[in-house]
Amino acid sequence: GRHPQSIVHAHLHLIPFNFNKDIENELFEEL
């Protein structure tokens, strides 16, 4: 785990939500 509080059990987030361009760019840059 990266963090002590990480949940180490497979879980996928499905969200009816779209990042705006700036936030999506931040996601791509961080990850």
Full PDB file with SEQRES, HELIX, SHEET, SSBOND, CRYST1, ORIGX, SCALE, CONECT and MASTER records, all heavy atoms in Angstrom:
SEQRES   1 A   31  GLY ARG HIS PRO GLN SER ILE VAL HIS ALA HIS LEU HIS          
SEQRES   2 A   31  LEU ILE PRO PHE ASN PHE ASN LYS ASP ILE GLU ASN GLU          
SEQRES   3 A   31  LEU PHE GLU GLU LEU                                          
HELIX    1 AA1 LYS A   21  GLU A   30  1                                  10    
CRYST1    1.000    1.000    1.000  90.00  90.00  90.00 P 1           1          
ORIGX1      1.000000  0.000000  0.000000        0.00000                         
ORIGX2      0.000000  1.000000  0.000000        0.00000                         
ORIGX3      0.000000  0.000000  1.000000        0.00000                         
SCALE1      1.000000  0.000000  0.000000        0.00000                         
SCALE2      0.000000  1.000000  0.000000        0.00000                         
SCALE3      0.000000  0.000000  1.000000        0.00000                         
ATOM      1  N   GLY A   1       0.791  -1.218   0.000  1.00  0.00           N  
ATOM      2  CA  GLY A   1       0.000   0.000   0.000  1.00  0.00           C  
ATOM      3  C   GLY A   1       0.826   1.273   0.000  1.00  0.00           C  
ATOM      4  O   GLY A   1       1.871   1.346   0.623  1.00  0.00           O  
ATOM      5  N   ARG A   2       0.348   2.302  -0.692  1.00  0.00           N  
ATOM      6  CA  ARG A   2       1.065   3.583  -0.689  1.00  0.00           C  
ATOM      7  C   ARG A   2       0.865   4.297   0.635  1.00  0.00           C  
ATOM      8  O   ARG A   2       1.711   5.011   1.115  1.00  0.00           O  
ATOM      9  CB  ARG A   2       0.567   4.472  -1.830  1.00  0.00           C  
ATOM     10  CG  ARG A   2       0.840   3.955  -3.210  1.00  0.00           C  
ATOM     11  CD  ARG A   2       0.336   4.913  -4.275  1.00  0.00           C  
ATOM     12  NE  ARG A   2      -1.046   5.307  -4.010  1.00  0.00           N  
ATOM     13  CZ  ARG A   2      -1.415   6.471  -3.509  1.00  0.00           C  
ATOM     14  NH1 ARG A   2      -0.526   7.387  -3.237  1.00  0.00           N  
ATOM     15  NH2 ARG A   2      -2.678   6.727  -3.298  1.00  0.00           N  
ATOM     16  N   HIS A   3      -0.320   4.134   1.200  1.00  0.00           N  
ATOM     17  CA  HIS A   3      -0.672   4.815   2.444  1.00  0.00           C  
ATOM     18  C   HIS A   3      -1.179   3.788   3.452  1.00  0.00           C  
ATOM     19  O   HIS A   3      -1.766   2.785   3.062  1.00  0.00           O  
ATOM     20  CB  HIS A   3      -1.775   5.860   2.193  1.00  0.00           C  
ATOM     21  CG  HIS A   3      -1.373   6.952   1.259  1.00  0.00           C  
ATOM     22  ND1 HIS A   3      -0.575   8.006   1.643  1.00  0.00           N  
ATOM     23  CD2 HIS A   3      -1.655   7.163  -0.045  1.00  0.00           C  
ATOM     24  CE1 HIS A   3      -0.391   8.820   0.607  1.00  0.00           C  
ATOM     25  NE2 HIS A   3      -1.029   8.324  -0.420  1.00  0.00           N  
ATOM     26  N   PRO A   4      -0.982   4.023   4.738  1.00  0.00           N  
ATOM     27  CA  PRO A   4      -1.470   3.084   5.750  1.00  0.00           C  
ATOM     28  C   PRO A   4      -2.979   2.850   5.668  1.00  0.00           C  
ATOM     29  O   PRO A   4      -3.459   1.787   6.047  1.00  0.00           O  
ATOM     30  CB  PRO A   4      -1.095   3.771   7.077  1.00  0.00           C  
ATOM     31  CG  PRO A   4       0.050   4.653   6.726  1.00  0.00           C  
ATOM     32  CD  PRO A   4      -0.223   5.125   5.323  1.00  0.00           C  
ATOM     33  N   GLN A   5      -3.735   3.841   5.159  1.00  0.00           N  
ATOM     34  CA  GLN A   5      -5.185   3.713   5.091  1.00  0.00           C  
ATOM     35  C   GLN A   5      -5.680   3.175   3.741  1.00  0.00           C  
ATOM     36  O   GLN A   5      -6.874   3.080   3.527  1.00  0.00           O  
ATOM     37  CB  GLN A   5      -5.840   5.071   5.365  1.00  0.00           C  
ATOM     38  CG  GLN A   5      -5.723   5.523   6.816  1.00  0.00           C  
ATOM     39  CD  GLN A   5      -6.445   6.839   7.042  1.00  0.00           C  
ATOM     40  OE1 GLN A   5      -6.092   7.863   6.472  1.00  0.00           O  
ATOM     41  NE2 GLN A   5      -7.460   6.817   7.874  1.00  0.00           N  
ATOM     42  N   SER A   6      -4.774   2.806   2.854  1.00  0.00           N  
ATOM     43  CA  SER A   6      -5.190   2.262   1.566  1.00  0.00           C  
ATOM     44  C   SER A   6      -6.036   1.012   1.768  1.00  0.00           C  
ATOM     45  O   SER A   6      -5.722   0.162   2.605  1.00  0.00           O  
ATOM     46  CB  SER A   6      -3.976   1.904   0.700  1.00  0.00           C  
ATOM     47  OG  SER A   6      -3.280   3.053   0.301  1.00  0.00           O  
ATOM     48  N   ILE A   7      -7.121   0.892   0.988  1.00  0.00           N  
ATOM     49  CA  ILE A   7      -7.953  -0.309   1.018  1.00  0.00           C  
ATOM     50  C   ILE A   7      -7.416  -1.260  -0.045  1.00  0.00           C  
ATOM     51  O   ILE A   7      -7.565  -1.018  -1.244  1.00  0.00           O  
ATOM     52  CB  ILE A   7      -9.436   0.016   0.767  1.00  0.00           C  
ATOM     53  CG1 ILE A   7      -9.957   0.942   1.862  1.00  0.00           C  
ATOM     54  CG2 ILE A   7     -10.253  -1.271   0.720  1.00  0.00           C  
ATOM     55  CD1 ILE A   7     -11.387   1.386   1.672  1.00  0.00           C  
ATOM     56  N   VAL A   8      -6.789  -2.327   0.405  1.00  0.00           N  
ATOM     57  CA  VAL A   8      -6.132  -3.247  -0.523  1.00  0.00           C  
ATOM     58  C   VAL A   8      -7.103  -4.380  -0.852  1.00  0.00           C  
ATOM     59  O   VAL A   8      -6.969  -5.514  -0.379  1.00  0.00           O  
ATOM     60  CB  VAL A   8      -4.817  -3.782   0.073  1.00  0.00           C  
ATOM     61  CG1 VAL A   8      -4.060  -4.602  -0.955  1.00  0.00           C  
ATOM     62  CG2 VAL A   8      -3.944  -2.629   0.548  1.00  0.00           C  
ATOM     63  N   HIS A   9      -8.107  -4.058  -1.634  1.00  0.00           N  
ATOM     64  CA  HIS A   9      -9.107  -5.016  -2.098  1.00  0.00           C  
ATOM     65  C   HIS A   9      -9.729  -4.401  -3.344  1.00  0.00           C  
ATOM     66  O   HIS A   9     -10.164  -3.248  -3.310  1.00  0.00           O  
ATOM     67  CB  HIS A   9     -10.172  -5.255  -1.018  1.00  0.00           C  
ATOM     68  CG  HIS A   9     -11.190  -6.300  -1.368  1.00  0.00           C  
ATOM     69  ND1 HIS A   9     -11.492  -7.352  -0.518  1.00  0.00           N  
ATOM     70  CD2 HIS A   9     -11.971  -6.468  -2.465  1.00  0.00           C  
ATOM     71  CE1 HIS A   9     -12.418  -8.112  -1.077  1.00  0.00           C  
ATOM     72  NE2 HIS A   9     -12.726  -7.577  -2.261  1.00  0.00           N  
ATOM     73  N   ALA A  10      -9.740  -5.149  -4.436  1.00  0.00           N  
ATOM     74  CA  ALA A  10     -10.137  -4.602  -5.737  1.00  0.00           C  
ATOM     75  C   ALA A  10     -11.504  -3.927  -5.698  1.00  0.00           C  
ATOM     76  O   ALA A  10     -12.506  -4.559  -5.371  1.00  0.00           O  
ATOM     77  CB  ALA A  10     -10.128  -5.710  -6.782  1.00  0.00           C  
ATOM     78  N   HIS A  11     -11.528  -2.637  -6.036  1.00  0.00           N  
ATOM     79  CA  HIS A  11     -12.782  -1.898  -6.128  1.00  0.00           C  
ATOM     80  C   HIS A  11     -12.645  -0.832  -7.225  1.00  0.00           C  
ATOM     81  O   HIS A  11     -11.682  -0.086  -7.254  1.00  0.00           O  
ATOM     82  CB  HIS A  11     -13.182  -1.271  -4.790  1.00  0.00           C  
ATOM     83  CG  HIS A  11     -12.176  -0.348  -4.197  1.00  0.00           C  
ATOM     84  ND1 HIS A  11     -10.981  -0.777  -3.646  1.00  0.00           N  
ATOM     85  CD2 HIS A  11     -12.175   1.010  -4.066  1.00  0.00           C  
ATOM     86  CE1 HIS A  11     -10.295   0.264  -3.192  1.00  0.00           C  
ATOM     87  NE2 HIS A  11     -10.995   1.372  -3.448  1.00  0.00           N  
ATOM     88  N   LEU A  12     -13.609  -0.810  -8.086  1.00  0.00           N  
ATOM     89  CA  LEU A  12     -13.616   0.084  -9.245  1.00  0.00           C  
ATOM     90  C   LEU A  12     -14.684   1.148  -9.046  1.00  0.00           C  
ATOM     91  O   LEU A  12     -15.821   0.841  -8.693  1.00  0.00           O  
ATOM     92  CB  LEU A  12     -13.907  -0.740 -10.505  1.00  0.00           C  
ATOM     93  CG  LEU A  12     -13.829  -0.068 -11.867  1.00  0.00           C  
ATOM     94  CD1 LEU A  12     -12.377   0.226 -12.227  1.00  0.00           C  
ATOM     95  CD2 LEU A  12     -14.440  -0.987 -12.928  1.00  0.00           C  
ATOM     96  N   HIS A  13     -14.307   2.405  -9.255  1.00  0.00           N  
ATOM     97  CA  HIS A  13     -15.237   3.525  -9.124  1.00  0.00           C  
ATOM     98  C   HIS A  13     -15.951   3.739 -10.465  1.00  0.00           C  
ATOM     99  O   HIS A  13     -15.293   3.928 -11.488  1.00  0.00           O  
ATOM    100  CB  HIS A  13     -14.503   4.819  -8.779  1.00  0.00           C  
ATOM    101  CG  HIS A  13     -13.594   4.732  -7.593  1.00  0.00           C  
ATOM    102  ND1 HIS A  13     -13.699   5.580  -6.513  1.00  0.00           N  
ATOM    103  CD2 HIS A  13     -12.535   3.915  -7.310  1.00  0.00           C  
ATOM    104  CE1 HIS A  13     -12.756   5.294  -5.619  1.00  0.00           C  
ATOM    105  NE2 HIS A  13     -12.033   4.278  -6.093  1.00  0.00           N  
ATOM    106  N   LEU A  14     -17.274   3.735 -10.461  1.00  0.00           N  
ATOM    107  CA  LEU A  14     -18.069   4.094 -11.644  1.00  0.00           C  
ATOM    108  C   LEU A  14     -18.896   5.319 -11.270  1.00  0.00           C  
ATOM    109  O   LEU A  14     -19.689   5.267 -10.335  1.00  0.00           O  
ATOM    110  CB  LEU A  14     -18.959   2.935 -12.084  1.00  0.00           C  
ATOM    111  CG  LEU A  14     -19.675   3.084 -13.438  1.00  0.00           C  
ATOM    112  CD1 LEU A  14     -20.044   1.706 -14.008  1.00  0.00           C  
ATOM    113  CD2 LEU A  14     -20.914   3.962 -13.376  1.00  0.00           C  
ATOM    114  N   ILE A  15     -18.698   6.414 -12.008  1.00  0.00           N  
ATOM    115  CA  ILE A  15     -19.276   7.697 -11.602  1.00  0.00           C  
ATOM    116  C   ILE A  15     -19.894   8.423 -12.794  1.00  0.00           C  
ATOM    117  O   ILE A  15     -19.214   8.643 -13.806  1.00  0.00           O  
ATOM    118  CB  ILE A  15     -18.201   8.618 -10.985  1.00  0.00           C  
ATOM    119  CG1 ILE A  15     -17.244   7.819 -10.096  1.00  0.00           C  
ATOM    120  CG2 ILE A  15     -18.845   9.758 -10.208  1.00  0.00           C  
ATOM    121  CD1 ILE A  15     -15.934   8.511  -9.817  1.00  0.00           C  
ATOM    122  N   PRO A  16     -21.155   8.845 -12.692  1.00  0.00           N  
ATOM    123  CA  PRO A  16     -21.750   9.669 -13.738  1.00  0.00           C  
ATOM    124  C   PRO A  16     -21.285  11.118 -13.605  1.00  0.00           C  
ATOM    125  O   PRO A  16     -22.013  11.998 -13.147  1.00  0.00           O  
ATOM    126  CB  PRO A  16     -23.260   9.524 -13.496  1.00  0.00           C  
ATOM    127  CG  PRO A  16     -23.361   9.301 -12.012  1.00  0.00           C  
ATOM    128  CD  PRO A  16     -22.126   8.531 -11.627  1.00  0.00           C  
ATOM    129  N   PHE A  17     -20.037  11.337 -13.978  1.00  0.00           N  
ATOM    130  CA  PHE A  17     -19.362  12.614 -13.748  1.00  0.00           C  
ATOM    131  C   PHE A  17     -18.265  12.758 -14.795  1.00  0.00           C  
ATOM    132  O   PHE A  17     -17.632  11.769 -15.176  1.00  0.00           O  
ATOM    133  CB  PHE A  17     -18.745  12.623 -12.344  1.00  0.00           C  
ATOM    134  CG  PHE A  17     -18.094  13.918 -11.943  1.00  0.00           C  
ATOM    135  CD1 PHE A  17     -18.839  14.932 -11.375  1.00  0.00           C  
ATOM    136  CD2 PHE A  17     -16.727  14.118 -12.125  1.00  0.00           C  
ATOM    137  CE1 PHE A  17     -18.236  16.132 -10.992  1.00  0.00           C  
ATOM    138  CE2 PHE A  17     -16.122  15.303 -11.751  1.00  0.00           C  
ATOM    139  CZ  PHE A  17     -16.885  16.313 -11.182  1.00  0.00           C  
ATOM    140  N   ASN A  18     -18.065  13.971 -15.283  1.00  0.00           N  
ATOM    141  CA  ASN A  18     -16.990  14.241 -16.241  1.00  0.00           C  
ATOM    142  C   ASN A  18     -16.070  15.314 -15.677  1.00  0.00           C  
ATOM    143  O   ASN A  18     -16.525  16.394 -15.272  1.00  0.00           O  
ATOM    144  CB  ASN A  18     -17.547  14.729 -17.578  1.00  0.00           C  
ATOM    145  CG  ASN A  18     -18.326  13.671 -18.347  1.00  0.00           C  
ATOM    146  OD1 ASN A  18     -18.865  13.971 -19.405  1.00  0.00           O  
ATOM    147  ND2 ASN A  18     -18.417  12.462 -17.836  1.00  0.00           N  
ATOM    148  N   PHE A  19     -14.775  15.030 -15.652  1.00  0.00           N  
ATOM    149  CA  PHE A  19     -13.813  16.048 -15.256  1.00  0.00           C  
ATOM    150  C   PHE A  19     -13.749  17.136 -16.321  1.00  0.00           C  
ATOM    151  O   PHE A  19     -13.822  16.843 -17.516  1.00  0.00           O  
ATOM    152  CB  PHE A  19     -12.417  15.431 -15.116  1.00  0.00           C  
ATOM    153  CG  PHE A  19     -12.263  14.469 -13.972  1.00  0.00           C  
ATOM    154  CD1 PHE A  19     -11.863  13.161 -14.201  1.00  0.00           C  
ATOM    155  CD2 PHE A  19     -12.509  14.873 -12.666  1.00  0.00           C  
ATOM    156  CE1 PHE A  19     -11.710  12.267 -13.156  1.00  0.00           C  
ATOM    157  CE2 PHE A  19     -12.354  13.985 -11.607  1.00  0.00           C  
ATOM    158  CZ  PHE A  19     -11.961  12.675 -11.850  1.00  0.00           C  
ATOM    159  N   ASN A  20     -13.594  18.391 -15.875  1.00  0.00           N  
ATOM    160  CA  ASN A  20     -13.296  19.420 -16.855  1.00  0.00           C  
ATOM    161  C   ASN A  20     -11.848  19.252 -17.319  1.00  0.00           C  
ATOM    162  O   ASN A  20     -11.098  18.444 -16.772  1.00  0.00           O  
ATOM    163  CB  ASN A  20     -13.585  20.827 -16.313  1.00  0.00           C  
ATOM    164  CG  ASN A  20     -12.697  21.214 -15.132  1.00  0.00           C  
ATOM    165  OD1 ASN A  20     -11.509  20.858 -15.083  1.00  0.00           O  
ATOM    166  ND2 ASN A  20     -13.247  21.946 -14.176  1.00  0.00           N  
ATOM    167  N   LYS A  21     -11.457  20.004 -18.324  1.00  0.00           N  
ATOM    168  CA  LYS A  21     -10.147  19.772 -18.943  1.00  0.00           C  
ATOM    169  C   LYS A  21      -8.998  19.988 -17.962  1.00  0.00           C  
ATOM    170  O   LYS A  21      -8.032  19.213 -17.927  1.00  0.00           O  
ATOM    171  CB  LYS A  21      -9.976  20.688 -20.171  1.00  0.00           C  
ATOM    172  CG  LYS A  21      -8.895  20.203 -21.133  1.00  0.00           C  
ATOM    173  CD  LYS A  21      -9.251  18.815 -21.679  1.00  0.00           C  
ATOM    174  CE  LYS A  21      -8.153  18.283 -22.582  1.00  0.00           C  
ATOM    175  NZ  LYS A  21      -8.421  16.881 -23.001  1.00  0.00           N  
ATOM    176  N   ASP A  22      -9.098  21.042 -17.150  1.00  0.00           N  
ATOM    177  CA  ASP A  22      -8.014  21.328 -16.203  1.00  0.00           C  
ATOM    178  C   ASP A  22      -7.861  20.214 -15.174  1.00  0.00           C  
ATOM    179  O   ASP A  22      -6.739  19.800 -14.850  1.00  0.00           O  
ATOM    180  CB  ASP A  22      -8.263  22.657 -15.494  1.00  0.00           C  
ATOM    181  CG  ASP A  22      -8.051  23.855 -16.411  1.00  0.00           C  
ATOM    182  OD1 ASP A  22      -7.396  23.687 -17.460  1.00  0.00           O  
ATOM    183  OD2 ASP A  22      -8.548  24.945 -16.082  1.00  0.00           O  
ATOM    184  N   ILE A  23      -8.982  19.742 -14.644  1.00  0.00           N  
ATOM    185  CA  ILE A  23      -8.937  18.691 -13.632  1.00  0.00           C  
ATOM    186  C   ILE A  23      -8.462  17.375 -14.258  1.00  0.00           C  
ATOM    187  O   ILE A  23      -7.644  16.651 -13.661  1.00  0.00           O  
ATOM    188  CB  ILE A  23     -10.316  18.501 -12.967  1.00  0.00           C  
ATOM    189  CG1 ILE A  23     -10.724  19.761 -12.196  1.00  0.00           C  
ATOM    190  CG2 ILE A  23     -10.306  17.289 -12.046  1.00  0.00           C  
ATOM    191  CD1 ILE A  23      -9.856  20.073 -10.998  1.00  0.00           C  
ATOM    192  N   GLU A  24      -8.924  17.086 -15.460  1.00  0.00           N  
ATOM    193  CA  GLU A  24      -8.478  15.857 -16.127  1.00  0.00           C  
ATOM    194  C   GLU A  24      -6.975  15.918 -16.410  1.00  0.00           C  
ATOM    195  O   GLU A  24      -6.261  14.922 -16.245  1.00  0.00           O  
ATOM    196  CB  GLU A  24      -9.254  15.618 -17.426  1.00  0.00           C  
ATOM    197  CG  GLU A  24      -8.941  14.256 -18.045  1.00  0.00           C  
ATOM    198  CD  GLU A  24      -9.758  13.978 -19.284  1.00  0.00           C  
ATOM    199  OE1 GLU A  24      -9.670  14.786 -20.241  1.00  0.00           O  
ATOM    200  OE2 GLU A  24     -10.480  12.972 -19.315  1.00  0.00           O  
ATOM    201  N   ASN A  25      -6.496  17.087 -16.811  1.00  0.00           N  
ATOM    202  CA  ASN A  25      -5.051  17.246 -17.031  1.00  0.00           C  
ATOM    203  C   ASN A  25      -4.270  17.005 -15.741  1.00  0.00           C  
ATOM    204  O   ASN A  25      -3.184  16.405 -15.757  1.00  0.00           O  
ATOM    205  CB  ASN A  25      -4.740  18.642 -17.573  1.00  0.00           C  
ATOM    206  CG  ASN A  25      -5.133  18.805 -19.031  1.00  0.00           C  
ATOM    207  OD1 ASN A  25      -5.321  17.819 -19.752  1.00  0.00           O  
ATOM    208  ND2 ASN A  25      -5.272  20.039 -19.476  1.00  0.00           N  
ATOM    209  N   GLU A  26      -4.816  17.465 -14.620  1.00  0.00           N  
ATOM    210  CA  GLU A  26      -4.175  17.242 -13.323  1.00  0.00           C  
ATOM    211  C   GLU A  26      -4.124  15.749 -12.997  1.00  0.00           C  
ATOM    212  O   GLU A  26      -3.110  15.244 -12.491  1.00  0.00           O  
ATOM    213  CB  GLU A  26      -4.935  18.007 -12.231  1.00  0.00           C  
ATOM    214  CG  GLU A  26      -4.256  17.978 -10.883  1.00  0.00           C  
ATOM    215  CD  GLU A  26      -4.942  18.878  -9.855  1.00  0.00           C  
ATOM    216  OE1 GLU A  26      -5.711  19.775 -10.259  1.00  0.00           O  
ATOM    217  OE2 GLU A  26      -4.700  18.667  -8.650  1.00  0.00           O  
ATOM    218  N   LEU A  27      -5.219  15.043 -13.296  1.00  0.00           N  
ATOM    219  CA  LEU A  27      -5.257  13.597 -13.088  1.00  0.00           C  
ATOM    220  C   LEU A  27      -4.168  12.896 -13.906  1.00  0.00           C  
ATOM    221  O   LEU A  27      -3.422  12.062 -13.390  1.00  0.00           O  
ATOM    222  CB  LEU A  27      -6.637  13.053 -13.476  1.00  0.00           C  
ATOM    223  CG  LEU A  27      -6.827  11.538 -13.347  1.00  0.00           C  
ATOM    224  CD1 LEU A  27      -6.974  11.135 -11.888  1.00  0.00           C  
ATOM    225  CD2 LEU A  27      -8.054  11.085 -14.140  1.00  0.00           C  
ATOM    226  N   PHE A  28      -4.072  13.265 -15.185  1.00  0.00           N  
ATOM    227  CA  PHE A  28      -3.070  12.652 -16.057  1.00  0.00           C  
ATOM    228  C   PHE A  28      -1.650  12.963 -15.582  1.00  0.00           C  
ATOM    229  O   PHE A  28      -0.769  12.090 -15.618  1.00  0.00           O  
ATOM    230  CB  PHE A  28      -3.263  13.133 -17.503  1.00  0.00           C  
ATOM    231  CG  PHE A  28      -4.233  12.305 -18.287  1.00  0.00           C  
ATOM    232  CD1 PHE A  28      -5.602  12.462 -18.120  1.00  0.00           C  
ATOM    233  CD2 PHE A  28      -3.796  11.355 -19.197  1.00  0.00           C  
ATOM    234  CE1 PHE A  28      -6.511  11.696 -18.831  1.00  0.00           C  
ATOM    235  CE2 PHE A  28      -4.683  10.580 -19.915  1.00  0.00           C  
ATOM    236  CZ  PHE A  28      -6.055  10.756 -19.732  1.00  0.00           C  
ATOM    237  N   GLU A  29      -1.432  14.194 -15.132  1.00  0.00           N  
ATOM    238  CA  GLU A  29      -0.095  14.590 -14.697  1.00  0.00           C  
ATOM    239  C   GLU A  29       0.307  13.877 -13.406  1.00  0.00           C  
ATOM    240  O   GLU A  29       1.422  13.358 -13.297  1.00  0.00           O  
ATOM    241  CB  GLU A  29      -0.048  16.101 -14.498  1.00  0.00           C  
ATOM    242  CG  GLU A  29       1.328  16.620 -14.095  1.00  0.00           C  
ATOM    243  CD  GLU A  29       1.367  18.144 -13.983  1.00  0.00           C  
ATOM    244  OE1 GLU A  29       0.473  18.811 -14.520  1.00  0.00           O  
ATOM    245  OE2 GLU A  29       2.309  18.636 -13.335  1.00  0.00           O  
ATOM    246  N   GLU A  30      -0.614  13.830 -12.441  1.00  0.00           N  
ATOM    247  CA  GLU A  30      -0.308  13.204 -11.151  1.00  0.00           C  
ATOM    248  C   GLU A  30      -0.067  11.700 -11.301  1.00  0.00           C  
ATOM    249  O   GLU A  30       0.822  11.136 -10.657  1.00  0.00           O  
ATOM    250  CB  GLU A  30      -1.456  13.438 -10.159  1.00  0.00           C  
ATOM    251  CG  GLU A  30      -1.583  14.863  -9.670  1.00  0.00           C  
ATOM    252  CD  GLU A  30      -0.555  15.205  -8.597  1.00  0.00           C  
ATOM    253  OE1 GLU A  30       0.324  14.366  -8.296  1.00  0.00           O  
ATOM    254  OE2 GLU A  30      -0.624  16.329  -8.063  1.00  0.00           O  
ATOM    255  N   LEU A  31      -0.854  11.043 -12.170  1.00  0.00           N  
ATOM    256  CA  LEU A  31      -0.788   9.585 -12.262  1.00  0.00           C  
ATOM    257  C   LEU A  31       0.026   9.095 -13.456  1.00  0.00           C  
ATOM    258  O   LEU A  31       0.195   7.882 -13.629  1.00  0.00           O  
ATOM    259  CB  LEU A  31      -2.212   9.007 -12.334  1.00  0.00           C  
ATOM    260  CG  LEU A  31      -3.123   9.353 -11.154  1.00  0.00           C  
ATOM    261  CD1 LEU A  31      -4.459   8.641 -11.304  1.00  0.00           C  
ATOM    262  CD2 LEU A  31      -2.471   9.003  -9.821  1.00  0.00           C  
TER     263      LEU A  31                                                      
MASTER        0    0    0    1    0    0    0    6  262    1    0    3          
END                                                                             
